[in-house]
All heavy atoms as atom14 arrays in JSON, in Angstrom:
{
  "sequence": "RSEADREEVCRTFNAIFAVPLTVDIRPVVTLAEYGL",
  "atom14_mask": [
    [1, 1, 1, 1, 1, 1, 1, 1, 1, 1, 1, 0, 0, 0],
    [1, 1, 1, 1, 1, 1, 0, 0, 0, 0, 0, 0, 0, 0],
    [1, 1, 1, 1, 1, 1, 1, 1, 1, 0, 0, 0, 0, 0],
    [1, 1, 1, 1, 1, 0, 0, 0, 0, 0, 0, 0, 0, 0],
    [1, 1, 1, 1, 1, 1, 1, 1, 0, 0, 0, 0, 0, 0],
    [1, 1, 1, 1, 1, 1, 1, 1, 1, 1, 1, 0, 0, 0],
    [1, 1, 1, 1, 1, 1, 1, 1, 1, 0, 0, 0, 0, 0],
    [1, 1, 1, 1, 1, 1, 1, 1, 1, 0, 0, 0, 0, 0],
    [1, 1, 1, 1, 1, 1, 1, 0, 0, 0, 0, 0, 0, 0],
    [1, 1, 1, 1, 1, 1, 0, 0, 0, 0, 0, 0, 0, 0],
    [1, 1, 1, 1, 1, 1, 1, 1, 1, 1, 1, 0, 0, 0],
    [1, 1, 1, 1, 1, 1, 1, 0, 0, 0, 0, 0, 0, 0],
    [1, 1, 1, 1, 1, 1, 1, 1, 1, 1, 1, 0, 0, 0],
    [1, 1, 1, 1, 1, 1, 1, 1, 0, 0, 0, 0, 0, 0],
    [1, 1, 1, 1, 1, 0, 0, 0, 0, 0, 0, 0, 0, 0],
    [1, 1, 1, 1, 1, 1, 1, 1, 0, 0, 0, 0, 0, 0],
    [1, 1, 1, 1, 1, 1, 1, 1, 1, 1, 1, 0, 0, 0],
    [1, 1, 1, 1, 1, 0, 0, 0, 0, 0, 0, 0, 0, 0],
    [1, 1, 1, 1, 1, 1, 1, 0, 0, 0, 0, 0, 0, 0],
    [1, 1, 1, 1, 1, 1, 1, 0, 0, 0, 0, 0, 0, 0],
    [1, 1, 1, 1, 1, 1, 1, 1, 0, 0, 0, 0, 0, 0],
    [1, 1, 1, 1, 1, 1, 1, 0, 0, 0, 0, 0, 0, 0],
    [1, 1, 1, 1, 1, 1, 1, 0, 0, 0, 0, 0, 0, 0],
    [1, 1, 1, 1, 1, 1, 1, 1, 0, 0, 0, 0, 0, 0],
    [1, 1, 1, 1, 1, 1, 1, 1, 0, 0, 0, 0, 0, 0],
    [1, 1, 1, 1, 1, 1, 1, 1, 1, 1, 1, 0, 0, 0],
    [1, 1, 1, 1, 1, 1, 1, 0, 0, 0, 0, 0, 0, 0],
    [1, 1, 1, 1, 1, 1, 1, 0, 0, 0, 0, 0, 0, 0],
    [1, 1, 1, 1, 1, 1, 1, 0, 0, 0, 0, 0, 0, 0],
    [1, 1, 1, 1, 1, 1, 1, 0, 0, 0, 0, 0, 0, 0],
    [1, 1, 1, 1, 1, 1, 1, 1, 0, 0, 0, 0, 0, 0],
    [1, 1, 1, 1, 1, 0, 0, 0, 0, 0, 0, 0, 0, 0],
    [1, 1, 1, 1, 1, 1, 1, 1, 1, 0, 0, 0, 0, 0],
    [1, 1, 1, 1, 1, 1, 1, 1, 1, 1, 1, 1, 0, 0],
    [1, 1, 1, 1, 0, 0, 0, 0, 0, 0, 0, 0, 0, 0],
    [1, 1, 1, 1, 1, 1, 1, 1, 0, 0, 0, 0, 0, 0]
  ],
  "atom14_positions": [
    [[87.35, 120.86, 104.25], [87.96, 121.63, 105.33], [86.98, 122.07, 106.4], [87.37, 122.36, 107.52], [88.66, 122.88, 104.76], [89.76, 122.6, 103.76], [90.94, 121.88, 104.4], [92.12, 121.93, 103.57], [92.44, 121.03, 102.67], [91.64, 119.99, 102.48], [93.54, 121.14, 101.95], [0.0, 0.0, 0.0], [0.0, 0.0, 0.0], [0.0, 0.0, 0.0]],
    [[85.7, 122.17, 106.06], [84.73, 122.67, 107.03], [83.63, 121.65, 107.28], [83.37, 120.77, 106.43], [84.09, 123.98, 106.53], [83.26, 123.73, 105.41], [0.0, 0.0, 0.0], [0.0, 0.0, 0.0], [0.0, 0.0, 0.0], [0.0, 0.0, 0.0], [0.0, 0.0, 0.0], [0.0, 0.0, 0.0], [0.0, 0.0, 0.0], [0.0, 0.0, 0.0]],
    [[82.97, 121.77, 108.42], [81.9, 120.85, 108.77], [80.73, 120.96, 107.8], [80.1, 119.95, 107.43], [81.42, 121.13, 110.2], [80.48, 120.08, 110.76], [81.16, 118.73, 110.89], [82.39, 118.68, 111.16], [80.46, 117.71, 110.7], [0.0, 0.0, 0.0], [0.0, 0.0, 0.0], [0.0, 0.0, 0.0], [0.0, 0.0, 0.0], [0.0, 0.0, 0.0]],
    [[80.44, 122.17, 107.34], [79.33, 122.36, 106.39], [79.61, 121.65, 105.07], [78.71, 121.02, 104.48], [79.1, 123.86, 106.16], [0.0, 0.0, 0.0], [0.0, 0.0, 0.0], [0.0, 0.0, 0.0], [0.0, 0.0, 0.0], [0.0, 0.0, 0.0], [0.0, 0.0, 0.0], [0.0, 0.0, 0.0], [0.0, 0.0, 0.0], [0.0, 0.0, 0.0]],
    [[80.86, 121.72, 104.61], [81.21, 121.04, 103.36], [81.14, 119.52, 103.52], [80.71, 118.8, 102.61], [82.62, 121.45, 102.91], [82.69, 122.89, 102.45], [81.62, 123.47, 102.18], [83.8, 123.45, 102.36], [0.0, 0.0, 0.0], [0.0, 0.0, 0.0], [0.0, 0.0, 0.0], [0.0, 0.0, 0.0], [0.0, 0.0, 0.0], [0.0, 0.0, 0.0]],
    [[81.55, 119.03, 104.68], [81.47, 117.59, 104.92], [80.01, 117.12, 104.9], [79.7, 116.05, 104.37], [82.13, 117.24, 106.25], [83.62, 117.52, 106.31], [84.24, 116.94, 107.57], [85.62, 117.35, 107.71], [86.07, 118.26, 108.56], [85.22, 118.86, 109.38], [87.35, 118.59, 108.62], [0.0, 0.0, 0.0], [0.0, 0.0, 0.0], [0.0, 0.0, 0.0]],
    [[79.14, 117.91, 105.46], [77.71, 117.55, 105.47], [77.15, 117.53, 104.05], [76.31, 116.7, 103.72], [76.93, 118.54, 106.34], [77.23, 118.38, 107.83], [76.55, 119.45, 108.67], [75.87, 120.33, 108.07], [76.68, 119.41, 109.9], [0.0, 0.0, 0.0], [0.0, 0.0, 0.0], [0.0, 0.0, 0.0], [0.0, 0.0, 0.0], [0.0, 0.0, 0.0]],
    [[77.61, 118.46, 103.21], [77.16, 118.47, 101.81], [77.59, 117.21, 101.08], [76.82, 116.63, 100.31], [77.72, 119.71, 101.09], [77.07, 121.02, 101.47], [75.65, 121.12, 100.94], [75.28, 120.33, 100.05], [74.91, 121.99, 101.42], [0.0, 0.0, 0.0], [0.0, 0.0, 0.0], [0.0, 0.0, 0.0], [0.0, 0.0, 0.0], [0.0, 0.0, 0.0]],
    [[78.83, 116.76, 101.31], [79.3, 115.53, 100.69], [78.47, 114.35, 101.17], [78.09, 113.47, 100.37], [80.8, 115.3, 100.99], [81.26, 113.95, 100.44], [81.64, 116.42, 100.39], [0.0, 0.0, 0.0], [0.0, 0.0, 0.0], [0.0, 0.0, 0.0], [0.0, 0.0, 0.0], [0.0, 0.0, 0.0], [0.0, 0.0, 0.0], [0.0, 0.0, 0.0]],
    [[78.14, 114.31, 102.46], [77.3, 113.23, 103.0], [75.91, 113.25, 102.38], [75.33, 112.19, 102.07], [77.21, 113.34, 104.52], [78.75, 112.99, 105.39], [0.0, 0.0, 0.0], [0.0, 0.0, 0.0], [0.0, 0.0, 0.0], [0.0, 0.0, 0.0], [0.0, 0.0, 0.0], [0.0, 0.0, 0.0], [0.0, 0.0, 0.0], [0.0, 0.0, 0.0]],
    [[75.35, 114.45, 102.17], [74.03, 114.54, 101.55], [74.07, 114.05, 100.11], [73.13, 113.39, 99.64], [73.53, 115.99, 101.6], [72.84, 116.35, 102.91], [72.08, 117.66, 102.81], [72.99, 118.79, 102.8], [73.38, 119.43, 103.91], [72.94, 119.04, 105.09], [74.2, 120.45, 103.83], [0.0, 0.0, 0.0], [0.0, 0.0, 0.0], [0.0, 0.0, 0.0]],
    [[75.13, 114.36, 99.41], [75.28, 113.88, 98.03], [75.34, 112.36, 98.0], [74.72, 111.71, 97.16], [76.54, 114.47, 97.39], [76.45, 115.9, 97.38], [76.72, 113.99, 95.96], [0.0, 0.0, 0.0], [0.0, 0.0, 0.0], [0.0, 0.0, 0.0], [0.0, 0.0, 0.0], [0.0, 0.0, 0.0], [0.0, 0.0, 0.0], [0.0, 0.0, 0.0]],
    [[76.1, 111.79, 98.93], [76.19, 110.32, 99.01], [74.83, 109.71, 99.28], [74.44, 108.72, 98.65], [77.18, 109.94, 100.12], [77.46, 108.47, 100.21], [78.54, 107.91, 99.55], [76.65, 107.64, 100.97], [78.8, 106.56, 99.62], [76.9, 106.28, 101.06], [77.98, 105.74, 100.37], [0.0, 0.0, 0.0], [0.0, 0.0, 0.0], [0.0, 0.0, 0.0]],
    [[74.08, 110.31, 100.19], [72.76, 109.8, 100.55], [71.81, 109.86, 99.36], [71.03, 108.93, 99.11], [72.19, 110.62, 101.71], [70.93, 110.02, 102.29], [70.52, 108.94, 101.91], [70.31, 110.74, 103.21], [0.0, 0.0, 0.0], [0.0, 0.0, 0.0], [0.0, 0.0, 0.0], [0.0, 0.0, 0.0], [0.0, 0.0, 0.0], [0.0, 0.0, 0.0]],
    [[71.88, 110.94, 98.58], [70.99, 111.1, 97.43], [71.27, 110.07, 96.35], [70.34, 109.61, 95.67], [71.15, 112.51, 96.86], [0.0, 0.0, 0.0], [0.0, 0.0, 0.0], [0.0, 0.0, 0.0], [0.0, 0.0, 0.0], [0.0, 0.0, 0.0], [0.0, 0.0, 0.0], [0.0, 0.0, 0.0], [0.0, 0.0, 0.0], [0.0, 0.0, 0.0]],
    [[72.52, 109.68, 96.18], [72.88, 108.75, 95.09], [72.76, 107.3, 95.53], [72.23, 106.46, 94.79], [74.3, 109.06, 94.58], [74.31, 110.42, 93.9], [74.81, 107.96, 93.64], [75.67, 110.92, 93.5], [0.0, 0.0, 0.0], [0.0, 0.0, 0.0], [0.0, 0.0, 0.0], [0.0, 0.0, 0.0], [0.0, 0.0, 0.0], [0.0, 0.0, 0.0]],
    [[73.23, 106.97, 96.72], [73.2, 105.59, 97.19], [71.94, 105.25, 97.99], [71.73, 104.08, 98.32], [74.44, 105.3, 98.05], [75.71, 105.19, 97.27], [76.47, 106.31, 96.99], [76.15, 103.96, 96.8], [77.65, 106.22, 96.27], [77.32, 103.85, 96.08], [78.08, 104.99, 95.81], [0.0, 0.0, 0.0], [0.0, 0.0, 0.0], [0.0, 0.0, 0.0]],
    [[71.15, 106.25, 98.3], [69.89, 106.05, 99.04], [70.12, 105.48, 100.43], [69.25, 104.81, 100.99], [68.93, 105.17, 98.25], [0.0, 0.0, 0.0], [0.0, 0.0, 0.0], [0.0, 0.0, 0.0], [0.0, 0.0, 0.0], [0.0, 0.0, 0.0], [0.0, 0.0, 0.0], [0.0, 0.0, 0.0], [0.0, 0.0, 0.0], [0.0, 0.0, 0.0]],
    [[71.29, 105.7, 100.98], [71.58, 105.32, 102.38], [72.4, 106.45, 102.99], [73.2, 107.1, 102.32], [72.38, 104.0, 102.46], [71.54, 102.83, 102.0], [73.67, 104.08, 101.66], [0.0, 0.0, 0.0], [0.0, 0.0, 0.0], [0.0, 0.0, 0.0], [0.0, 0.0, 0.0], [0.0, 0.0, 0.0], [0.0, 0.0, 0.0], [0.0, 0.0, 0.0]],
    [[72.19, 106.75, 104.27], [72.98, 107.81, 104.92], [74.43, 107.35, 105.08], [74.71, 106.17, 105.34], [72.29, 107.99, 106.27], [71.61, 106.69, 106.53], [71.21, 106.14, 105.2], [0.0, 0.0, 0.0], [0.0, 0.0, 0.0], [0.0, 0.0, 0.0], [0.0, 0.0, 0.0], [0.0, 0.0, 0.0], [0.0, 0.0, 0.0], [0.0, 0.0, 0.0]],
    [[75.33, 108.28, 104.91], [76.76, 107.98, 105.06], [77.09, 108.03, 106.55], [77.39, 109.08, 107.12], [77.6, 108.98, 104.29], [79.11, 108.8, 104.32], [79.5, 107.39, 103.93], [79.8, 109.8, 103.42], [0.0, 0.0, 0.0], [0.0, 0.0, 0.0], [0.0, 0.0, 0.0], [0.0, 0.0, 0.0], [0.0, 0.0, 0.0], [0.0, 0.0, 0.0]],
    [[77.0, 106.88, 107.19], [77.29, 106.79, 108.62], [78.52, 105.94, 108.82], [78.63, 104.83, 108.29], [76.11, 106.14, 109.37], [75.83, 104.86, 108.81], [74.87, 107.02, 109.27], [0.0, 0.0, 0.0], [0.0, 0.0, 0.0], [0.0, 0.0, 0.0], [0.0, 0.0, 0.0], [0.0, 0.0, 0.0], [0.0, 0.0, 0.0], [0.0, 0.0, 0.0]],
    [[79.47, 106.48, 109.58], [80.74, 105.8, 109.81], [81.07, 105.9, 111.29], [80.87, 106.94, 111.93], [81.87, 106.43, 108.97], [83.21, 105.77, 109.28], [81.57, 106.31, 107.49], [0.0, 0.0, 0.0], [0.0, 0.0, 0.0], [0.0, 0.0, 0.0], [0.0, 0.0, 0.0], [0.0, 0.0, 0.0], [0.0, 0.0, 0.0], [0.0, 0.0, 0.0]],
    [[81.58, 104.81, 111.85], [82.01, 104.82, 113.25], [83.35, 105.54, 113.32], [84.38, 105.01, 112.91], [82.15, 103.38, 113.75], [82.57, 103.33, 115.23], [82.57, 104.39, 115.88], [82.89, 102.23, 115.71], [0.0, 0.0, 0.0], [0.0, 0.0, 0.0], [0.0, 0.0, 0.0], [0.0, 0.0, 0.0], [0.0, 0.0, 0.0], [0.0, 0.0, 0.0]],
    [[83.32, 106.78, 113.81], [84.56, 107.57, 113.84], [85.33, 107.37, 115.15], [86.37, 107.98, 115.35], [84.26, 109.07, 113.64], [83.34, 109.6, 114.75], [83.66, 109.32, 112.28], [83.13, 111.1, 114.7], [0.0, 0.0, 0.0], [0.0, 0.0, 0.0], [0.0, 0.0, 0.0], [0.0, 0.0, 0.0], [0.0, 0.0, 0.0], [0.0, 0.0, 0.0]],
    [[84.79, 106.53, 116.03], [85.5, 106.21, 117.27], [85.59, 104.68, 117.43], [84.99, 104.1, 118.32], [84.79, 106.83, 118.48], [84.83, 108.36, 118.5], [84.14, 108.92, 119.73], [84.21, 110.37, 119.77], [83.37, 111.17, 119.13], [82.38, 110.65, 118.42], [83.5, 112.48, 119.21], [0.0, 0.0, 0.0], [0.0, 0.0, 0.0], [0.0, 0.0, 0.0]],
    [[86.32, 104.03, 116.54], [86.41, 102.57, 116.61], [87.22, 102.11, 117.82], [88.03, 102.85, 118.36], [87.13, 102.2, 115.3], [87.95, 103.41, 114.98], [87.14, 104.58, 115.45], [0.0, 0.0, 0.0], [0.0, 0.0, 0.0], [0.0, 0.0, 0.0], [0.0, 0.0, 0.0], [0.0, 0.0, 0.0], [0.0, 0.0, 0.0], [0.0, 0.0, 0.0]],
    [[86.99, 100.86, 118.2], [87.72, 100.25, 119.31], [89.14, 99.93, 118.86], [89.34, 99.34, 117.8], [87.01, 98.98, 119.81], [87.83, 98.3, 120.9], [85.61, 99.31, 120.29], [0.0, 0.0, 0.0], [0.0, 0.0, 0.0], [0.0, 0.0, 0.0], [0.0, 0.0, 0.0], [0.0, 0.0, 0.0], [0.0, 0.0, 0.0], [0.0, 0.0, 0.0]],
    [[90.1, 100.34, 119.68], [91.51, 100.07, 119.38], [91.96, 98.88, 120.22], [91.81, 98.88, 121.45], [92.39, 101.3, 119.67], [93.86, 100.99, 119.38], [91.92, 102.49, 118.83], [0.0, 0.0, 0.0], [0.0, 0.0, 0.0], [0.0, 0.0, 0.0], [0.0, 0.0, 0.0], [0.0, 0.0, 0.0], [0.0, 0.0, 0.0], [0.0, 0.0, 0.0]],
    [[92.5, 97.86, 119.54], [92.92, 96.64, 120.22], [94.36, 96.33, 119.87], [94.71, 96.26, 118.68], [92.03, 95.44, 119.82], [90.66, 95.77, 120.06], [92.42, 94.2, 120.6], [0.0, 0.0, 0.0], [0.0, 0.0, 0.0], [0.0, 0.0, 0.0], [0.0, 0.0, 0.0], [0.0, 0.0, 0.0], [0.0, 0.0, 0.0], [0.0, 0.0, 0.0]],
    [[95.19, 96.17, 120.87], [96.59, 95.79, 120.64], [96.71, 94.29, 120.89], [96.52, 93.82, 122.01], [97.52, 96.56, 121.58], [99.01, 96.25, 121.45], [99.5, 96.55, 120.04], [99.82, 97.04, 122.48], [0.0, 0.0, 0.0], [0.0, 0.0, 0.0], [0.0, 0.0, 0.0], [0.0, 0.0, 0.0], [0.0, 0.0, 0.0], [0.0, 0.0, 0.0]],
    [[96.99, 93.54, 119.85], [97.13, 92.08, 119.94], [98.58, 91.7, 119.66], [99.41, 92.52, 119.25], [96.2, 91.4, 118.95], [0.0, 0.0, 0.0], [0.0, 0.0, 0.0], [0.0, 0.0, 0.0], [0.0, 0.0, 0.0], [0.0, 0.0, 0.0], [0.0, 0.0, 0.0], [0.0, 0.0, 0.0], [0.0, 0.0, 0.0], [0.0, 0.0, 0.0]],
    [[98.86, 90.44, 119.89], [100.23, 89.94, 119.7], [100.67, 90.07, 118.25], [101.84, 90.28, 117.95], [100.3, 88.48, 120.15], [101.69, 87.85, 120.03], [101.7, 86.41, 120.49], [100.7, 85.95, 121.05], [102.72, 85.75, 120.26], [0.0, 0.0, 0.0], [0.0, 0.0, 0.0], [0.0, 0.0, 0.0], [0.0, 0.0, 0.0], [0.0, 0.0, 0.0]],
    [[99.74, 89.95, 117.32], [100.07, 89.94, 115.89], [99.78, 91.28, 115.2], [99.84, 91.38, 113.99], [99.27, 88.83, 115.17], [97.82, 88.77, 115.58], [96.88, 89.62, 114.99], [97.4, 87.9, 116.57], [95.56, 89.58, 115.38], [96.07, 87.85, 116.97], [95.15, 88.69, 116.36], [93.83, 88.66, 116.75], [0.0, 0.0, 0.0], [0.0, 0.0, 0.0]],
    [[99.45, 92.33, 115.95], [99.27, 93.62, 115.33], [98.33, 94.53, 116.08], [97.74, 94.15, 117.1], [0.0, 0.0, 0.0], [0.0, 0.0, 0.0], [0.0, 0.0, 0.0], [0.0, 0.0, 0.0], [0.0, 0.0, 0.0], [0.0, 0.0, 0.0], [0.0, 0.0, 0.0], [0.0, 0.0, 0.0], [0.0, 0.0, 0.0], [0.0, 0.0, 0.0]],
    [[98.17, 95.75, 115.58], [97.28, 96.75, 116.16], [96.01, 96.82, 115.32], [96.07, 97.07, 114.11], [97.95, 98.11, 116.21], [97.09, 99.28, 116.72], [96.79, 99.09, 118.2], [97.8, 100.61, 116.47], [0.0, 0.0, 0.0], [0.0, 0.0, 0.0], [0.0, 0.0, 0.0], [0.0, 0.0, 0.0], [0.0, 0.0, 0.0], [0.0, 0.0, 0.0]]
  ]
}
């Protein structure tokens, strides 16, 4: 629910997988003939 808690979850992921949890939260939206 909070930004601080989200950062804690990301730190836990980083500690276990040894990679930072980075996600593109602003992906490109494309409307094509066969779907969105």
